[in-house]
Amino acid sequence: MRRHVLPQLPSPSSPLWRSRQQIRDELYRFLVPRSSVVPELWAWVGAYDHVALCQLWGSMVDLPTVLPRYTNELRQHWDAHGRPELPPVPPDAHDALADARHNLAKFEAIEASRRSTPRL
């Protein structure tokens, strides 16, 4: 964390800092932009990420009902589908948005491989 995450953060005096409530509210609006949206969460080894997400509301039972109670595991999805080749790690790895884009690219690579592999 000290090597990869802290250098990505702005100075504590920066106006970019958000309170837990602001983070929670903005994240909710991002995940549920319309009432018809049912979000699906994916992460590469994301168990603790889901715990941190829940803690924004208090505990898992405090999550809004529209939010999932689990995060799909991209690493297991990759393993279950034969460990196809994945895109290289980007140079801006450990930046949250870069990591999210990389995870999407990994998901798309796994799905492309899965669709092209004949089922037995």
Protein backbone atom coordinates (compact mmCIF):
# COMPACT_ATOMS: atom_id res chain seq x y z
CA MET A 1 0.00 0.00 0.00
CA ARG A 2 2.74 2.40 0.93
CA ARG A 3 4.54 1.79 -2.37
CA HIS A 4 1.57 1.54 -4.77
CA VAL A 5 -1.45 3.34 -3.32
CA LEU A 6 -0.24 6.26 -1.22
CA PRO A 7 1.75 7.88 -4.06
CA GLN A 8 -1.47 7.93 -6.13
CA LEU A 9 -3.35 10.01 -3.55
CA PRO A 10 -3.56 13.79 -3.67
CA SER A 11 -2.19 15.95 -0.88
CA PRO A 12 -4.44 15.93 2.22
CA SER A 13 -5.09 19.64 1.62
CA SER A 14 -6.44 18.96 -1.89
CA PRO A 15 -10.12 19.67 -2.63
CA LEU A 16 -10.20 16.24 -4.31
CA TRP A 17 -10.52 14.55 -0.90
CA ARG A 18 -14.02 13.30 -0.09
CA SER A 19 -15.72 12.38 3.16
CA ARG A 20 -16.91 8.79 3.61
CA GLN A 21 -20.47 10.04 3.06
CA GLN A 22 -19.50 11.81 -0.19
CA ILE A 23 -17.67 8.70 -1.42
CA ARG A 24 -20.65 6.52 -0.52
CA ASP A 25 -23.18 8.83 -2.20
CA GLU A 26 -21.12 9.33 -5.36
CA LEU A 27 -20.36 5.62 -5.62
CA TYR A 28 -24.06 4.78 -5.26
CA ARG A 29 -24.98 7.25 -8.03
CA PHE A 30 -22.27 5.72 -10.23
CA LEU A 31 -23.37 2.12 -9.59
CA VAL A 32 -27.10 2.86 -9.81
CA PRO A 33 -27.53 5.77 -12.26
CA ARG A 34 -31.18 4.77 -12.88
CA SER A 35 -33.63 2.72 -10.84
CA SER A 36 -33.70 0.08 -13.59
CA VAL A 37 -29.97 -0.65 -13.20
CA VAL A 38 -28.98 -3.71 -11.19
CA PRO A 39 -25.22 -3.44 -10.63
CA GLU A 40 -22.85 -6.36 -10.96
CA LEU A 41 -19.45 -6.13 -9.28
CA TRP A 42 -16.27 -7.81 -10.52
CA ALA A 43 -12.74 -7.65 -9.13
CA TRP A 44 -9.44 -9.50 -9.42
CA VAL A 45 -9.09 -10.98 -5.93
CA GLY A 46 -11.62 -8.54 -4.51
CA ALA A 47 -12.87 -10.04 -1.25
CA TYR A 48 -11.42 -7.27 0.88
CA ASP A 49 -12.59 -4.66 -1.62
CA HIS A 50 -16.15 -5.84 -0.99
CA VAL A 51 -15.64 -5.56 2.76
CA ALA A 52 -14.41 -1.97 2.29
CA LEU A 53 -17.42 -1.23 0.09
CA CYS A 54 -19.80 -2.52 2.76
CA GLN A 55 -18.05 -0.45 5.41
CA LEU A 56 -19.03 2.73 3.57
CA TRP A 57 -22.59 1.98 4.73
CA GLY A 58 -21.67 0.37 8.06
CA SER A 59 -21.94 -3.38 7.55
CA MET A 60 -23.18 -5.69 4.82
CA VAL A 61 -26.72 -5.63 6.21
CA ASP A 62 -26.69 -1.83 5.88
CA LEU A 63 -25.98 -1.89 2.13
CA PRO A 64 -28.81 -0.53 -0.01
CA THR A 65 -30.86 -3.49 -1.23
CA VAL A 66 -30.02 -2.84 -4.89
CA LEU A 67 -26.29 -3.37 -4.26
CA PRO A 68 -24.99 -6.93 -4.54
CA ARG A 69 -23.93 -8.80 -1.43
CA TYR A 70 -20.86 -10.19 -3.17
CA THR A 71 -18.28 -9.27 -5.79
CA ASN A 72 -17.76 -11.70 -8.66
CA GLU A 73 -14.23 -13.04 -8.66
CA LEU A 74 -12.46 -12.33 -11.94
CA ARG A 75 -9.41 -14.39 -10.95
CA GLN A 76 -11.60 -17.49 -10.47
CA HIS A 77 -13.43 -16.78 -13.75
CA TRP A 78 -10.05 -16.73 -15.52
CA ASP A 79 -8.99 -19.97 -13.83
CA ALA A 80 -12.31 -21.71 -14.60
CA HIS A 81 -11.99 -20.89 -18.30
CA GLY A 82 -8.51 -22.26 -18.88
CA ARG A 83 -6.37 -19.28 -17.93
CA PRO A 84 -6.34 -17.64 -21.36
CA GLU A 85 -3.74 -15.03 -22.15
CA LEU A 86 -4.50 -11.70 -20.53
CA PRO A 87 -3.58 -8.19 -21.60
CA PRO A 88 -0.33 -6.87 -20.13
CA VAL A 89 -0.38 -4.84 -16.93
CA PRO A 90 -0.60 -1.16 -17.88
CA PRO A 91 2.15 1.26 -16.88
CA ASP A 92 -0.29 3.14 -14.63
CA ALA A 93 -1.21 0.03 -12.61
CA HIS A 94 -2.39 0.66 -9.04
CA ASP A 95 -4.33 3.71 -10.15
CA ALA A 96 -7.96 2.79 -9.38
CA LEU A 97 -9.36 3.83 -12.77
CA ALA A 98 -6.47 2.20 -14.67
CA ASP A 99 -6.96 -1.01 -12.68
CA ALA A 100 -10.71 -0.96 -13.41
CA ARG A 101 -10.02 -0.57 -17.14
CA HIS A 102 -7.46 -3.36 -16.99
CA ASN A 103 -9.95 -5.64 -15.21
CA LEU A 104 -12.50 -4.92 -17.94
CA ALA A 105 -9.89 -5.82 -20.57
CA LYS A 106 -9.13 -9.04 -18.67
CA PHE A 107 -12.85 -9.89 -18.49
CA GLU A 108 -13.24 -9.26 -22.23
CA ALA A 109 -10.20 -11.46 -23.00
CA ILE A 110 -11.59 -14.29 -20.86
CA GLU A 111 -15.02 -14.01 -22.49
CA ALA A 112 -13.54 -13.92 -26.01
CA SER A 113 -11.55 -17.05 -25.25
CA ARG A 114 -14.54 -18.74 -23.64
CA ARG A 115 -16.76 -18.03 -26.66
CA SER A 116 -14.14 -19.34 -29.10
CA THR A 117 -13.37 -22.54 -27.17
CA PRO A 118 -15.57 -25.48 -28.16
CA ARG A 119 -17.57 -26.96 -25.31
CA LEU A 120 -17.08 -30.64 -24.58
